[in-house]
Amino acid sequence: MAELKYEITKHIGVLSENAKGWTKELNMISWNDREPKYDLREWNPDHTRMGKGVTLTDEEIQNLTKLLNGEELEDDINEEDFV
């Protein structure tokens, strides 16, 4: 298996930290020398190990921001399903 190369180009922020010191972070990461993308995942304290995460393009992060701000909700969502 080929080695995964990554570089955290910008640290945006920490969402949480668990009892073992791992932090869930939003960063800009360049994977295998490609253009940096937004990345959300858990990291150990020295950033040598990572958990599973999700990588988002600029357009996807903009859409996520709109969804979280309630600006774009799907028409097929039934608000009564939420407590």
PDB file of N, CA and C in Angstrom:
ATOM      1  N   MET A   1       0.846  -1.184   0.000  1.00  0.00           N
ATOM      2  CA  MET A   1       0.000   0.000   0.000  1.00  0.00           C
ATOM      3  C   MET A   1       0.890   1.244   0.000  1.00  0.00           C
ATOM      4  N   ALA A   2       0.548   2.206  -0.846  1.00  0.00           N
ATOM      5  CA  ALA A   2       1.324   3.439  -0.945  1.00  0.00           C
ATOM      6  C   ALA A   2       1.163   4.269   0.324  1.00  0.00           C
ATOM      7  N   GLU A   3       2.223   4.989   0.657  1.00  0.00           N
ATOM      8  CA  GLU A   3       2.189   5.850   1.835  1.00  0.00           C
ATOM      9  C   GLU A   3       1.302   7.060   1.575  1.00  0.00           C
ATOM     10  N   LEU A   4       0.479   7.384   2.548  1.00  0.00           N
ATOM     11  CA  LEU A   4      -0.398   8.546   2.460  1.00  0.00           C
ATOM     12  C   LEU A   4       0.388   9.775   2.883  1.00  0.00           C
ATOM     13  N   LYS A   5       0.430  10.763   2.011  1.00  0.00           N
ATOM     14  CA  LYS A   5       1.143  12.003   2.309  1.00  0.00           C
ATOM     15  C   LYS A   5       0.124  13.098   2.565  1.00  0.00           C
ATOM     16  N   TYR A   6       0.315  13.826   3.653  1.00  0.00           N
ATOM     17  CA  TYR A   6      -0.601  14.925   3.963  1.00  0.00           C
ATOM     18  C   TYR A   6       0.156  16.068   4.609  1.00  0.00           C
ATOM     19  N   GLU A   7      -0.397  17.262   4.448  1.00  0.00           N
ATOM     20  CA  GLU A   7       0.151  18.449   5.102  1.00  0.00           C
ATOM     21  C   GLU A   7      -1.008  19.310   5.561  1.00  0.00           C
ATOM     22  N   ILE A   8      -1.028  19.611   6.856  1.00  0.00           N
ATOM     23  CA  ILE A   8      -2.036  20.536   7.379  1.00  0.00           C
ATOM     24  C   ILE A   8      -1.560  21.937   6.998  1.00  0.00           C
ATOM     25  N   THR A   9      -2.261  22.556   6.053  1.00  0.00           N
ATOM     26  CA  THR A   9      -1.835  23.872   5.581  1.00  0.00           C
ATOM     27  C   THR A   9      -2.430  25.010   6.402  1.00  0.00           C
ATOM     28  N   LYS A  10      -3.573  24.721   7.061  1.00  0.00           N
ATOM     29  CA  LYS A  10      -4.189  25.742   7.915  1.00  0.00           C
ATOM     30  C   LYS A  10      -5.021  25.051   8.989  1.00  0.00           C
ATOM     31  N   HIS A  11      -4.748  25.385  10.235  1.00  0.00           N
ATOM     32  CA  HIS A  11      -5.547  24.882  11.357  1.00  0.00           C
ATOM     33  C   HIS A  11      -6.677  25.883  11.588  1.00  0.00           C
ATOM     34  N   ILE A  12      -7.917  25.417  11.444  1.00  0.00           N
ATOM     35  CA  ILE A  12      -9.070  26.319  11.581  1.00  0.00           C
ATOM     36  C   ILE A  12      -9.615  26.307  13.000  1.00  0.00           C
ATOM     37  N   GLY A  13      -9.742  25.102  13.603  1.00  0.00           N
ATOM     38  CA  GLY A  13     -10.234  25.078  14.969  1.00  0.00           C
ATOM     39  C   GLY A  13     -10.485  23.681  15.489  1.00  0.00           C
ATOM     40  N   VAL A  14     -10.656  23.603  16.816  1.00  0.00           N
ATOM     41  CA  VAL A  14     -10.930  22.346  17.514  1.00  0.00           C
ATOM     42  C   VAL A  14     -12.394  22.343  17.939  1.00  0.00           C
ATOM     43  N   LEU A  15     -13.106  21.264  17.618  1.00  0.00           N
ATOM     44  CA  LEU A  15     -14.505  21.130  18.008  1.00  0.00           C
ATOM     45  C   LEU A  15     -14.646  20.490  19.380  1.00  0.00           C
ATOM     46  N   SER A  16     -13.777  19.514  19.679  1.00  0.00           N
ATOM     47  CA  SER A  16     -13.848  18.830  20.970  1.00  0.00           C
ATOM     48  C   SER A  16     -12.540  18.092  21.237  1.00  0.00           C
ATOM     49  N   GLU A  17     -12.402  17.641  22.495  1.00  0.00           N
ATOM     50  CA  GLU A  17     -11.243  16.843  22.893  1.00  0.00           C
ATOM     51  C   GLU A  17     -11.731  15.714  23.786  1.00  0.00           C
ATOM     52  N   ASN A  18     -11.224  14.485  23.540  1.00  0.00           N
ATOM     53  CA  ASN A  18     -11.643  13.363  24.377  1.00  0.00           C
ATOM     54  C   ASN A  18     -10.671  13.158  25.535  1.00  0.00           C
ATOM     55  N   ALA A  19     -10.968  12.190  26.392  1.00  0.00           N
ATOM     56  CA  ALA A  19     -10.181  11.954  27.605  1.00  0.00           C
ATOM     57  C   ALA A  19      -8.742  11.540  27.306  1.00  0.00           C
ATOM     58  N   LYS A  20      -8.484  10.980  26.128  1.00  0.00           N
ATOM     59  CA  LYS A  20      -7.130  10.553  25.769  1.00  0.00           C
ATOM     60  C   LYS A  20      -6.342  11.646  25.059  1.00  0.00           C
ATOM     61  N   GLY A  21      -6.934  12.821  24.934  1.00  0.00           N
ATOM     62  CA  GLY A  21      -6.227  13.947  24.339  1.00  0.00           C
ATOM     63  C   GLY A  21      -6.411  14.099  22.836  1.00  0.00           C
ATOM     64  N   TRP A  22      -7.150  13.175  22.211  1.00  0.00           N
ATOM     65  CA  TRP A  22      -7.418  13.314  20.781  1.00  0.00           C
ATOM     66  C   TRP A  22      -8.403  14.462  20.574  1.00  0.00           C
ATOM     67  N   THR A  23      -8.189  15.241  19.516  1.00  0.00           N
ATOM     68  CA  THR A  23      -9.050  16.379  19.233  1.00  0.00           C
ATOM     69  C   THR A  23      -9.744  16.202  17.886  1.00  0.00           C
ATOM     70  N   LYS A  24     -10.998  16.617  17.832  1.00  0.00           N
ATOM     71  CA  LYS A  24     -11.742  16.648  16.570  1.00  0.00           C
ATOM     72  C   LYS A  24     -11.539  18.044  16.013  1.00  0.00           C
ATOM     73  N   GLU A  25     -10.928  18.122  14.825  1.00  0.00           N
ATOM     74  CA  GLU A  25     -10.491  19.405  14.279  1.00  0.00           C
ATOM     75  C   GLU A  25     -11.001  19.640  12.867  1.00  0.00           C
ATOM     76  N   LEU A  26     -11.158  20.916  12.545  1.00  0.00           N
ATOM     77  CA  LEU A  26     -11.391  21.338  11.175  1.00  0.00           C
ATOM     78  C   LEU A  26     -10.102  22.005  10.704  1.00  0.00           C
ATOM     79  N   ASN A  27      -9.540  21.462   9.623  1.00  0.00           N
ATOM     80  CA  ASN A  27      -8.290  21.971   9.067  1.00  0.00           C
ATOM     81  C   ASN A  27      -8.393  22.054   7.554  1.00  0.00           C
ATOM     82  N   MET A  28      -7.458  22.749   6.962  1.00  0.00           N
ATOM     83  CA  MET A  28      -7.231  22.670   5.522  1.00  0.00           C
ATOM     84  C   MET A  28      -6.059  21.718   5.360  1.00  0.00           C
ATOM     85  N   ILE A  29      -6.256  20.664   4.538  1.00  0.00           N
ATOM     86  CA  ILE A  29      -5.212  19.656   4.371  1.00  0.00           C
ATOM     87  C   ILE A  29      -4.968  19.402   2.895  1.00  0.00           C
ATOM     88  N   SER A  30      -3.688  19.322   2.544  1.00  0.00           N
ATOM     89  CA  SER A  30      -3.281  18.919   1.211  1.00  0.00           C
ATOM     90  C   SER A  30      -2.969  17.430   1.272  1.00  0.00           C
ATOM     91  N   TRP A  31      -3.732  16.632   0.538  1.00  0.00           N
ATOM     92  CA  TRP A  31      -3.530  15.180   0.491  1.00  0.00           C
ATOM     93  C   TRP A  31      -2.725  14.846  -0.767  1.00  0.00           C
ATOM     94  N   ASN A  32      -1.586  14.161  -0.570  1.00  0.00           N
ATOM     95  CA  ASN A  32      -0.741  13.724  -1.693  1.00  0.00           C
ATOM     96  C   ASN A  32      -0.411  14.870  -2.653  1.00  0.00           C
ATOM     97  N   ASP A  33      -0.014  16.007  -2.071  1.00  0.00           N
ATOM     98  CA  ASP A  33       0.429  17.197  -2.822  1.00  0.00           C
ATOM     99  C   ASP A  33      -0.658  17.818  -3.695  1.00  0.00           C
ATOM    100  N   ARG A  34      -1.904  17.549  -3.389  1.00  0.00           N
ATOM    101  CA  ARG A  34      -3.006  18.159  -4.141  1.00  0.00           C
ATOM    102  C   ARG A  34      -3.438  19.454  -3.471  1.00  0.00           C
ATOM    103  N   GLU A  35      -4.358  20.158  -4.126  1.00  0.00           N
ATOM    104  CA  GLU A  35      -4.912  21.409  -3.592  1.00  0.00           C
ATOM    105  C   GLU A  35      -5.542  21.143  -2.223  1.00  0.00           C
ATOM    106  N   PRO A  36      -5.271  22.001  -1.231  1.00  0.00           N
ATOM    107  CA  PRO A  36      -5.863  21.787   0.099  1.00  0.00           C
ATOM    108  C   PRO A  36      -7.384  21.834   0.080  1.00  0.00           C
ATOM    109  N   LYS A  37      -7.993  20.993   0.930  1.00  0.00           N
ATOM    110  CA  LYS A  37      -9.444  20.956   1.101  1.00  0.00           C
ATOM    111  C   LYS A  37      -9.749  21.006   2.593  1.00  0.00           C
ATOM    112  N   TYR A  38     -10.997  21.338   2.899  1.00  0.00           N
ATOM    113  CA  TYR A  38     -11.443  21.310   4.289  1.00  0.00           C
ATOM    114  C   TYR A  38     -11.493  19.858   4.757  1.00  0.00           C
ATOM    115  N   ASP A  39     -11.073  19.630   5.980  1.00  0.00           N
ATOM    116  CA  ASP A  39     -11.006  18.272   6.496  1.00  0.00           C
ATOM    117  C   ASP A  39     -11.434  18.265   7.959  1.00  0.00           C
ATOM    118  N   LEU A  40     -12.361  17.357   8.294  1.00  0.00           N
ATOM    119  CA  LEU A  40     -12.867  17.228   9.654  1.00  0.00           C
ATOM    120  C   LEU A  40     -12.592  15.803  10.128  1.00  0.00           C
ATOM    121  N   ARG A  41     -11.767  15.648  11.184  1.00  0.00           N
ATOM    122  CA  ARG A  41     -11.427  14.332  11.721  1.00  0.00           C
ATOM    123  C   ARG A  41     -10.755  14.472  13.080  1.00  0.00           C
ATOM    124  N   GLU A  42     -10.551  13.326  13.748  1.00  0.00           N
ATOM    125  CA  GLU A  42      -9.856  13.305  15.038  1.00  0.00           C
ATOM    126  C   GLU A  42      -8.364  13.092  14.823  1.00  0.00           C
ATOM    127  N   TRP A  43      -7.582  13.755  15.668  1.00  0.00           N
ATOM    128  CA  TRP A  43      -6.125  13.668  15.625  1.00  0.00           C
ATOM    129  C   TRP A  43      -5.586  13.380  17.022  1.00  0.00           C
ATOM    130  N   ASN A  44      -4.477  12.614  17.079  1.00  0.00           N
ATOM    131  CA  ASN A  44      -3.807  12.446  18.365  1.00  0.00           C
ATOM    132  C   ASN A  44      -3.067  13.755  18.686  1.00  0.00           C
ATOM    133  N   PRO A  45      -2.564  13.906  19.917  1.00  0.00           N
ATOM    134  CA  PRO A  45      -1.987  15.191  20.314  1.00  0.00           C
ATOM    135  C   PRO A  45      -0.851  15.722  19.428  1.00  0.00           C
ATOM    136  N   ASP A  46      -0.006  14.831  18.863  1.00  0.00           N
ATOM    137  CA  ASP A  46       1.097  15.329  18.038  1.00  0.00           C
ATOM    138  C   ASP A  46       0.833  15.216  16.525  1.00  0.00           C
ATOM    139  N   HIS A  47      -0.411  14.931  16.163  1.00  0.00           N
ATOM    140  CA  HIS A  47      -0.846  14.864  14.760  1.00  0.00           C
ATOM    141  C   HIS A  47      -0.089  13.818  13.935  1.00  0.00           C
ATOM    142  N   THR A  48       0.357  12.741  14.581  1.00  0.00           N
ATOM    143  CA  THR A  48       1.012  11.653  13.854  1.00  0.00           C
ATOM    144  C   THR A  48       0.038  10.529  13.526  1.00  0.00           C
ATOM    145  N   ARG A  49      -1.126  10.516  14.183  1.00  0.00           N
ATOM    146  CA  ARG A  49      -2.164   9.522  13.929  1.00  0.00           C
ATOM    147  C   ARG A  49      -3.494  10.241  13.781  1.00  0.00           C
ATOM    148  N   MET A  50      -4.361   9.673  12.935  1.00  0.00           N
ATOM    149  CA  MET A  50      -5.654  10.302  12.681  1.00  0.00           C
ATOM    150  C   MET A  50      -6.748   9.248  12.647  1.00  0.00           C
ATOM    151  N   GLY A  51      -7.967   9.696  12.912  1.00  0.00           N
ATOM    152  CA  GLY A  51      -9.133   8.837  12.778  1.00  0.00           C
ATOM    153  C   GLY A  51      -9.781   9.060  11.427  1.00  0.00           C
ATOM    154  N   LYS A  52     -10.861   8.330  11.198  1.00  0.00           N
ATOM    155  CA  LYS A  52     -11.611   8.518   9.958  1.00  0.00           C
ATOM    156  C   LYS A  52     -12.232   9.907   9.961  1.00  0.00           C
ATOM    157  N   GLY A  53     -12.340  10.465   8.775  1.00  0.00           N
ATOM    158  CA  GLY A  53     -12.892  11.804   8.692  1.00  0.00           C
ATOM    159  C   GLY A  53     -13.578  12.039   7.368  1.00  0.00           C
ATOM    160  N   VAL A  54     -13.855  13.292   7.122  1.00  0.00           N
ATOM    161  CA  VAL A  54     -14.506  13.699   5.877  1.00  0.00           C
ATOM    162  C   VAL A  54     -13.767  14.908   5.320  1.00  0.00           C
ATOM    163  N   THR A  55     -13.571  14.900   3.995  1.00  0.00           N
ATOM    164  CA  THR A  55     -12.903  15.995   3.305  1.00  0.00           C
ATOM    165  C   THR A  55     -13.926  16.684   2.413  1.00  0.00           C
ATOM    166  N   LEU A  56     -13.940  18.011   2.450  1.00  0.00           N
ATOM    167  CA  LEU A  56     -14.942  18.795   1.727  1.00  0.00           C
ATOM    168  C   LEU A  56     -14.285  19.849   0.840  1.00  0.00           C
ATOM    169  N   THR A  57     -14.862  20.053  -0.335  1.00  0.00           N
ATOM    170  CA  THR A  57     -14.407  21.114  -1.224  1.00  0.00           C
ATOM    171  C   THR A  57     -14.926  22.458  -0.709  1.00  0.00           C
ATOM    172  N   ASP A  58     -14.475  23.539  -1.320  1.00  0.00           N
ATOM    173  CA  ASP A  58     -14.978  24.875  -0.959  1.00  0.00           C
ATOM    174  C   ASP A  58     -16.492  24.942  -1.141  1.00  0.00           C
ATOM    175  N   GLU A  59     -16.985  24.416  -2.263  1.00  0.00           N
ATOM    176  CA  GLU A  59     -18.429  24.450  -2.527  1.00  0.00           C
ATOM    177  C   GLU A  59     -19.200  23.635  -1.485  1.00  0.00           C
ATOM    178  N   GLU A  60     -18.679  22.467  -1.116  1.00  0.00           N
ATOM    179  CA  GLU A  60     -19.359  21.634  -0.123  1.00  0.00           C
ATOM    180  C   GLU A  60     -19.381  22.295   1.247  1.00  0.00           C
ATOM    181  N   ILE A  61     -18.308  22.964   1.633  1.00  0.00           N
ATOM    182  CA  ILE A  61     -18.289  23.625   2.943  1.00  0.00           C
ATOM    183  C   ILE A  61     -19.251  24.818   2.942  1.00  0.00           C
ATOM    184  N   GLN A  62     -19.384  25.502   1.804  1.00  0.00           N
ATOM    185  CA  GLN A  62     -20.345  26.599   1.704  1.00  0.00           C
ATOM    186  C   GLN A  62     -21.775  26.069   1.821  1.00  0.00           C
ATOM    187  N   ASN A  63     -22.055  24.950   1.166  1.00  0.00           N
ATOM    188  CA  ASN A  63     -23.382  24.338   1.262  1.00  0.00           C
ATOM    189  C   ASN A  63     -23.664  23.858   2.679  1.00  0.00           C
ATOM    190  N   LEU A  64     -22.677  23.276   3.331  1.00  0.00           N
ATOM    191  CA  LEU A  64     -22.842  22.825   4.715  1.00  0.00           C
ATOM    192  C   LEU A  64     -23.124  24.011   5.630  1.00  0.00           C
ATOM    193  N   THR A  65     -22.417  25.090   5.439  1.00  0.00           N
ATOM    194  CA  THR A  65     -22.635  26.297   6.241  1.00  0.00           C
ATOM    195  C   THR A  65     -24.069  26.802   6.081  1.00  0.00           C
ATOM    196  N   LYS A  66     -24.563  26.810   4.847  1.00  0.00           N
ATOM    197  CA  LYS A  66     -25.945  27.240   4.600  1.00  0.00           C
ATOM    198  C   LYS A  66     -26.935  26.304   5.285  1.00  0.00           C
ATOM    199  N   LEU A  67     -26.683  24.997   5.195  1.00  0.00           N
ATOM    200  CA  LEU A  67     -27.569  24.039   5.858  1.00  0.00           C
ATOM    201  C   LEU A  67     -27.585  24.242   7.364  1.00  0.00           C
ATOM    202  N   LEU A  68     -26.422  24.437   7.955  1.00  0.00           N
ATOM    203  CA  LEU A  68     -26.339  24.614   9.401  1.00  0.00           C
ATOM    204  C   LEU A  68     -26.972  25.925   9.849  1.00  0.00           C
ATOM    205  N   ASN A  69     -26.946  26.914   8.977  1.00  0.00           N
ATOM    206  CA  ASN A  69     -27.575  28.195   9.288  1.00  0.00           C
ATOM    207  C   ASN A  69     -29.060  28.197   8.967  1.00  0.00           C
ATOM    208  N   GLY A  70     -29.584  27.082   8.458  1.00  0.00           N
ATOM    209  CA  GLY A  70     -31.004  26.980   8.173  1.00  0.00           C
ATOM    210  C   GLY A  70     -31.443  27.694   6.920  1.00  0.00           C
ATOM    211  N   GLU A  71     -30.511  28.043   6.053  1.00  0.00           N
ATOM    212  CA  GLU A  71     -30.858  28.782   4.852  1.00  0.00           C
ATOM    213  C   GLU A  71     -31.345  27.885   3.726  1.00  0.00           C
ATOM    214  N   GLU A  72     -30.929  26.632   3.705  1.00  0.00           N
ATOM    215  CA  GLU A  72     -31.301  25.728   2.623  1.00  0.00           C
ATOM    216  C   GLU A  72     -31.711  24.394   3.209  1.00  0.00           C
ATOM    217  N   LEU A  73     -32.969  24.230   3.519  1.00  0.00           N
ATOM    218  CA  LEU A  73     -33.455  22.949   4.002  1.00  0.00           C
ATOM    219  C   LEU A  73     -34.201  22.264   2.878  1.00  0.00           C
ATOM    220  N   GLU A  74     -33.975  20.952   2.746  1.00  0.00           N
ATOM    221  CA  GLU A  74     -34.653  20.179   1.707  1.00  0.00           C
ATOM    222  C   GLU A  74     -36.156  20.235   1.931  1.00  0.00           C
ATOM    223  N   ASP A  75     -36.921  20.332   0.859  1.00  0.00           N
ATOM    224  CA  ASP A  75     -38.373  20.370   0.939  1.00  0.00           C
ATOM    225  C   ASP A  75     -38.965  19.080   1.491  1.00  0.00           C
ATOM    226  N   ASP A  76     -38.244  17.957   1.321  1.00  0.00           N
ATOM    227  CA  ASP A  76     -38.793  16.669   1.752  1.00  0.00           C
ATOM    228  C   ASP A  76     -38.528  16.366   3.216  1.00  0.00           C
ATOM    229  N   ILE A  77     -37.949  17.294   3.965  1.00  0.00           N
ATOM    230  CA  ILE A  77     -37.722  17.106   5.395  1.00  0.00           C
ATOM    231  C   ILE A  77     -38.994  17.458   6.137  1.00  0.00           C
ATOM    232  N   ASN A  78     -39.479  16.533   6.922  1.00  0.00           N
ATOM    233  CA  ASN A  78     -40.671  16.761   7.723  1.00  0.00           C
ATOM    234  C   ASN A  78     -40.224  17.210   9.110  1.00  0.00           C
ATOM    235  N   GLU A  79     -40.440  18.454   9.450  1.00  0.00           N
ATOM    236  CA  GLU A  79     -39.987  18.997  10.729  1.00  0.00           C
ATOM    237  C   GLU A  79     -40.604  18.278  11.921  1.00  0.00           C
ATOM    238  N   GLU A  80     -41.754  17.626  11.723  1.00  0.00           N
ATOM    239  CA  GLU A  80     -42.398  16.888  12.809  1.00  0.00           C
ATOM    240  C   GLU A  80     -41.606  15.645  13.202  1.00  0.00           C
ATOM    241  N   ASP A  81     -40.670  15.201  12.319  1.00  0.00           N
ATOM    242  CA  ASP A  81     -39.848  14.035  12.629  1.00  0.00           C
ATOM    243  C   ASP A  81     -38.756  14.349  13.628  1.00  0.00           C
ATOM    244  N   PHE A  82     -38.509  15.637  13.882  1.00  0.00           N
ATOM    245  CA  PHE A  82     -37.473  16.051  14.815  1.00  0.00           C
ATOM    246  C   PHE A  82     -38.082  16.391  16.156  1.00  0.00           C
ATOM    247  N   VAL A  83     -37.441  15.956  17.209  1.00  0.00           N
ATOM    248  CA  VAL A  83     -37.957  16.203  18.566  1.00  0.00           C
ATOM    249  C   VAL A  83     -37.402  17.505  19.080  1.00  0.00           C
TER     250      VAL A  83
END
